[in-house]
Amino acid sequence: MRKHVLASPRRARALRVITLGLLLLGYLDLVRGGLTAAPLLLVSSYLLFVPLAILFD
């Protein structure tokens, strides 16, 4: 199977780290009582960065 042209181990690792960071920030803000940043962080990480990390992996 041919690898994606944009896929590189470095880019995949960076996307995983960004995704994990956004998820942690979102959950920490949610626990703190955040009503605006938490949903934005969680939705963007689950709908954008998780699929990108899977695609580039």
PDB file of N, CA and C in Angstrom:
ATOM      1  N   MET A   1       0.831  -1.170   0.000  1.00  0.00           N
ATOM      2  CA  MET A   1       0.000   0.000   0.000  1.00  0.00           C
ATOM      3  C   MET A   1       0.880   1.239   0.000  1.00  0.00           C
ATOM      4  N   ARG A   2       0.548   2.177  -0.820  1.00  0.00           N
ATOM      5  CA  ARG A   2       1.352   3.379  -0.970  1.00  0.00           C
ATOM      6  C   ARG A   2       1.081   4.359   0.151  1.00  0.00           C
ATOM      7  N   LYS A   3       2.151   4.950   0.689  1.00  0.00           N
ATOM      8  CA  LYS A   3       1.994   5.916   1.769  1.00  0.00           C
ATOM      9  C   LYS A   3       1.599   7.267   1.201  1.00  0.00           C
ATOM     10  N   HIS A   4       0.895   8.016   2.010  1.00  0.00           N
ATOM     11  CA  HIS A   4       0.484   9.359   1.627  1.00  0.00           C
ATOM     12  C   HIS A   4       1.717  10.246   1.495  1.00  0.00           C
ATOM     13  N   VAL A   5       1.712  11.133   0.528  1.00  0.00           N
ATOM     14  CA  VAL A   5       2.869  11.972   0.238  1.00  0.00           C
ATOM     15  C   VAL A   5       3.188  12.885   1.426  1.00  0.00           C
ATOM     16  N   LEU A   6       2.150  13.389   2.103  1.00  0.00           N
ATOM     17  CA  LEU A   6       2.359  14.311   3.218  1.00  0.00           C
ATOM     18  C   LEU A   6       2.693  13.603   4.529  1.00  0.00           C
ATOM     19  N   ALA A   7       2.552  12.301   4.560  1.00  0.00           N
ATOM     20  CA  ALA A   7       2.765  11.559   5.801  1.00  0.00           C
ATOM     21  C   ALA A   7       4.251  11.400   6.081  1.00  0.00           C
ATOM     22  N   SER A   8       4.632  11.805   7.256  1.00  0.00           N
ATOM     23  CA  SER A   8       5.988  11.582   7.724  1.00  0.00           C
ATOM     24  C   SER A   8       5.902  11.274   9.209  1.00  0.00           C
ATOM     25  N   PRO A   9       6.836  10.513   9.730  1.00  0.00           N
ATOM     26  CA  PRO A   9       6.784  10.180  11.158  1.00  0.00           C
ATOM     27  C   PRO A   9       6.797  11.422  12.041  1.00  0.00           C
ATOM     28  N   ARG A  10       7.523  12.420  11.612  1.00  0.00           N
ATOM     29  CA  ARG A  10       7.605  13.655  12.407  1.00  0.00           C
ATOM     30  C   ARG A  10       6.266  14.389  12.438  1.00  0.00           C
ATOM     31  N   ARG A  11       5.611  14.471  11.292  1.00  0.00           N
ATOM     32  CA  ARG A  11       4.315  15.148  11.212  1.00  0.00           C
ATOM     33  C   ARG A  11       3.260  14.364  11.986  1.00  0.00           C
ATOM     34  N   ALA A  12       3.275  13.055  11.884  1.00  0.00           N
ATOM     35  CA  ALA A  12       2.302  12.228  12.602  1.00  0.00           C
ATOM     36  C   ALA A  12       2.486  12.376  14.109  1.00  0.00           C
ATOM     37  N   ARG A  13       3.723  12.398  14.562  1.00  0.00           N
ATOM     38  CA  ARG A  13       3.993  12.573  15.993  1.00  0.00           C
ATOM     39  C   ARG A  13       3.531  13.949  16.462  1.00  0.00           C
ATOM     40  N   ALA A  14       3.784  14.973  15.658  1.00  0.00           N
ATOM     41  CA  ALA A  14       3.372  16.328  16.019  1.00  0.00           C
ATOM     42  C   ALA A  14       1.849  16.418  16.115  1.00  0.00           C
ATOM     43  N   LEU A  15       1.149  15.799  15.178  1.00  0.00           N
ATOM     44  CA  LEU A  15      -0.312  15.822  15.235  1.00  0.00           C
ATOM     45  C   LEU A  15      -0.845  15.082  16.456  1.00  0.00           C
ATOM     46  N   ARG A  16      -0.215  13.969  16.811  1.00  0.00           N
ATOM     47  CA  ARG A  16      -0.646  13.251  18.014  1.00  0.00           C
ATOM     48  C   ARG A  16      -0.414  14.080  19.271  1.00  0.00           C
ATOM     49  N   VAL A  17       0.707  14.769  19.340  1.00  0.00           N
ATOM     50  CA  VAL A  17       1.007  15.607  20.511  1.00  0.00           C
ATOM     51  C   VAL A  17       0.029  16.785  20.584  1.00  0.00           C
ATOM     52  N   ILE A  18      -0.240  17.414  19.446  1.00  0.00           N
ATOM     53  CA  ILE A  18      -1.199  18.525  19.419  1.00  0.00           C
ATOM     54  C   ILE A  18      -2.588  18.048  19.828  1.00  0.00           C
ATOM     55  N   THR A  19      -2.989  16.889  19.305  1.00  0.00           N
ATOM     56  CA  THR A  19      -4.301  16.339  19.638  1.00  0.00           C
ATOM     57  C   THR A  19      -4.401  16.049  21.132  1.00  0.00           C
ATOM     58  N   LEU A  20      -3.398  15.414  21.688  1.00  0.00           N
ATOM     59  CA  LEU A  20      -3.408  15.108  23.106  1.00  0.00           C
ATOM     60  C   LEU A  20      -3.434  16.383  23.938  1.00  0.00           C
ATOM     61  N   GLY A  21      -2.659  17.377  23.537  1.00  0.00           N
ATOM     62  CA  GLY A  21      -2.643  18.645  24.259  1.00  0.00           C
ATOM     63  C   GLY A  21      -3.990  19.343  24.233  1.00  0.00           C
ATOM     64  N   LEU A  22      -4.628  19.374  23.064  1.00  0.00           N
ATOM     65  CA  LEU A  22      -5.940  20.010  22.968  1.00  0.00           C
ATOM     66  C   LEU A  22      -6.991  19.264  23.781  1.00  0.00           C
ATOM     67  N   LEU A  23      -6.930  17.945  23.760  1.00  0.00           N
ATOM     68  CA  LEU A  23      -7.872  17.166  24.565  1.00  0.00           C
ATOM     69  C   LEU A  23      -7.677  17.437  26.051  1.00  0.00           C
ATOM     70  N   LEU A  24      -6.431  17.438  26.496  1.00  0.00           N
ATOM     71  CA  LEU A  24      -6.168  17.712  27.917  1.00  0.00           C
ATOM     72  C   LEU A  24      -6.615  19.113  28.303  1.00  0.00           C
ATOM     73  N   LEU A  25      -6.291  20.101  27.473  1.00  0.00           N
ATOM     74  CA  LEU A  25      -6.725  21.463  27.764  1.00  0.00           C
ATOM     75  C   LEU A  25      -8.247  21.562  27.801  1.00  0.00           C
ATOM     76  N   GLY A  26      -8.911  20.899  26.880  1.00  0.00           N
ATOM     77  CA  GLY A  26     -10.366  20.922  26.847  1.00  0.00           C
ATOM     78  C   GLY A  26     -10.983  20.305  28.087  1.00  0.00           C
ATOM     79  N   TYR A  27     -10.473  19.152  28.499  1.00  0.00           N
ATOM     80  CA  TYR A  27     -11.014  18.514  29.693  1.00  0.00           C
ATOM     81  C   TYR A  27     -10.668  19.292  30.956  1.00  0.00           C
ATOM     82  N   LEU A  28      -9.468  19.852  31.035  1.00  0.00           N
ATOM     83  CA  LEU A  28      -9.119  20.665  32.196  1.00  0.00           C
ATOM     84  C   LEU A  28     -10.005  21.901  32.281  1.00  0.00           C
ATOM     85  N   ASP A  29     -10.272  22.541  31.164  1.00  0.00           N
ATOM     86  CA  ASP A  29     -11.151  23.703  31.173  1.00  0.00           C
ATOM     87  C   ASP A  29     -12.580  23.298  31.515  1.00  0.00           C
ATOM     88  N   LEU A  30     -13.011  22.132  31.061  1.00  0.00           N
ATOM     89  CA  LEU A  30     -14.347  21.642  31.379  1.00  0.00           C
ATOM     90  C   LEU A  30     -14.499  21.378  32.870  1.00  0.00           C
ATOM     91  N   VAL A  31     -13.478  20.785  33.474  1.00  0.00           N
ATOM     92  CA  VAL A  31     -13.510  20.524  34.914  1.00  0.00           C
ATOM     93  C   VAL A  31     -13.527  21.840  35.694  1.00  0.00           C
ATOM     94  N   ARG A  32     -12.824  22.827  35.162  1.00  0.00           N
ATOM     95  CA  ARG A  32     -12.755  24.140  35.804  1.00  0.00           C
ATOM     96  C   ARG A  32     -14.067  24.904  35.668  1.00  0.00           C
ATOM     97  N   GLY A  33     -14.930  24.474  34.764  1.00  0.00           N
ATOM     98  CA  GLY A  33     -16.223  25.114  34.582  1.00  0.00           C
ATOM     99  C   GLY A  33     -16.321  25.950  33.321  1.00  0.00           C
ATOM    100  N   GLY A  34     -15.378  25.799  32.431  1.00  0.00           N
ATOM    101  CA  GLY A  34     -15.394  26.573  31.194  1.00  0.00           C
ATOM    102  C   GLY A  34     -16.553  26.173  30.294  1.00  0.00           C
ATOM    103  N   LEU A  35     -17.235  27.167  29.764  1.00  0.00           N
ATOM    104  CA  LEU A  35     -18.387  26.905  28.910  1.00  0.00           C
ATOM    105  C   LEU A  35     -18.140  27.257  27.447  1.00  0.00           C
ATOM    106  N   THR A  36     -17.056  27.949  27.155  1.00  0.00           N
ATOM    107  CA  THR A  36     -16.800  28.338  25.773  1.00  0.00           C
ATOM    108  C   THR A  36     -15.577  27.629  25.207  1.00  0.00           C
ATOM    109  N   ALA A  37     -14.454  27.748  25.890  1.00  0.00           N
ATOM    110  CA  ALA A  37     -13.206  27.184  25.370  1.00  0.00           C
ATOM    111  C   ALA A  37     -13.225  25.655  25.394  1.00  0.00           C
ATOM    112  N   ALA A  38     -13.781  25.067  26.443  1.00  0.00           N
ATOM    113  CA  ALA A  38     -13.777  23.604  26.562  1.00  0.00           C
ATOM    114  C   ALA A  38     -14.485  22.928  25.392  1.00  0.00           C
ATOM    115  N   PRO A  39     -15.712  23.319  25.077  1.00  0.00           N
ATOM    116  CA  PRO A  39     -16.360  22.664  23.930  1.00  0.00           C
ATOM    117  C   PRO A  39     -15.625  22.904  22.612  1.00  0.00           C
ATOM    118  N   LEU A  40     -15.099  24.105  22.415  1.00  0.00           N
ATOM    119  CA  LEU A  40     -14.363  24.385  21.186  1.00  0.00           C
ATOM    120  C   LEU A  40     -13.118  23.517  21.075  1.00  0.00           C
ATOM    121  N   LEU A  41     -12.384  23.393  22.167  1.00  0.00           N
ATOM    122  CA  LEU A  41     -11.177  22.571  22.153  1.00  0.00           C
ATOM    123  C   LEU A  41     -11.506  21.099  21.933  1.00  0.00           C
ATOM    124  N   LEU A  42     -12.516  20.605  22.630  1.00  0.00           N
ATOM    125  CA  LEU A  42     -12.860  19.190  22.520  1.00  0.00           C
ATOM    126  C   LEU A  42     -13.417  18.845  21.139  1.00  0.00           C
ATOM    127  N   VAL A  43     -14.310  19.671  20.636  1.00  0.00           N
ATOM    128  CA  VAL A  43     -14.896  19.390  19.321  1.00  0.00           C
ATOM    129  C   VAL A  43     -13.841  19.481  18.228  1.00  0.00           C
ATOM    130  N   SER A  44     -13.009  20.522  18.291  1.00  0.00           N
ATOM    131  CA  SER A  44     -11.982  20.647  17.250  1.00  0.00           C
ATOM    132  C   SER A  44     -10.983  19.497  17.303  1.00  0.00           C
ATOM    133  N   SER A  45     -10.637  19.065  18.511  1.00  0.00           N
ATOM    134  CA  SER A  45      -9.677  17.967  18.586  1.00  0.00           C
ATOM    135  C   SER A  45     -10.290  16.647  18.126  1.00  0.00           C
ATOM    136  N   TYR A  46     -11.548  16.380  18.514  1.00  0.00           N
ATOM    137  CA  TYR A  46     -12.168  15.111  18.111  1.00  0.00           C
ATOM    138  C   TYR A  46     -12.557  15.087  16.638  1.00  0.00           C
ATOM    139  N   LEU A  47     -12.993  16.213  16.100  1.00  0.00           N
ATOM    140  CA  LEU A  47     -13.476  16.210  14.720  1.00  0.00           C
ATOM    141  C   LEU A  47     -12.421  16.591  13.690  1.00  0.00           C
ATOM    142  N   LEU A  48     -11.353  17.230  14.123  1.00  0.00           N
ATOM    143  CA  LEU A  48     -10.338  17.662  13.167  1.00  0.00           C
ATOM    144  C   LEU A  48      -9.001  16.963  13.385  1.00  0.00           C
ATOM    145  N   PHE A  49      -8.478  17.049  14.594  1.00  0.00           N
ATOM    146  CA  PHE A  49      -7.117  16.578  14.821  1.00  0.00           C
ATOM    147  C   PHE A  49      -7.007  15.065  14.989  1.00  0.00           C
ATOM    148  N   VAL A  50      -7.986  14.421  15.592  1.00  0.00           N
ATOM    149  CA  VAL A  50      -7.931  12.955  15.703  1.00  0.00           C
ATOM    150  C   VAL A  50      -7.971  12.301  14.318  1.00  0.00           C
ATOM    151  N   PRO A  51      -8.912  12.694  13.435  1.00  0.00           N
ATOM    152  CA  PRO A  51      -8.883  12.093  12.098  1.00  0.00           C
ATOM    153  C   PRO A  51      -7.585  12.417  11.322  1.00  0.00           C
ATOM    154  N   LEU A  52      -7.072  13.641  11.484  1.00  0.00           N
ATOM    155  CA  LEU A  52      -5.811  13.970  10.808  1.00  0.00           C
ATOM    156  C   LEU A  52      -4.665  13.116  11.336  1.00  0.00           C
ATOM    157  N   ALA A  53      -4.631  12.905  12.640  1.00  0.00           N
ATOM    158  CA  ALA A  53      -3.562  12.080  13.218  1.00  0.00           C
ATOM    159  C   ALA A  53      -3.669  10.634  12.727  1.00  0.00           C
ATOM    160  N   ILE A  54      -4.893  10.148  12.596  1.00  0.00           N
ATOM    161  CA  ILE A  54      -5.082   8.790  12.072  1.00  0.00           C
ATOM    162  C   ILE A  54      -4.704   8.732  10.598  1.00  0.00           C
ATOM    163  N   LEU A  55      -5.087   9.753   9.842  1.00  0.00           N
ATOM    164  CA  LEU A  55      -4.776   9.780   8.412  1.00  0.00           C
ATOM    165  C   LEU A  55      -3.289   9.830   8.154  1.00  0.00           C
ATOM    166  N   PHE A  56      -2.559  10.630   8.920  1.00  0.00           N
ATOM    167  CA  PHE A  56      -1.133  10.804   8.696  1.00  0.00           C
ATOM    168  C   PHE A  56      -0.285   9.752   9.404  1.00  0.00           C
ATOM    169  N   ASP A  57      -0.911   8.859  10.132  1.00  0.00           N
ATOM    170  CA  ASP A  57      -0.151   7.844  10.848  1.00  0.00           C
ATOM    171  C   ASP A  57       0.267   6.728   9.948  1.00  0.00           C
TER     172      ASP A  57
END
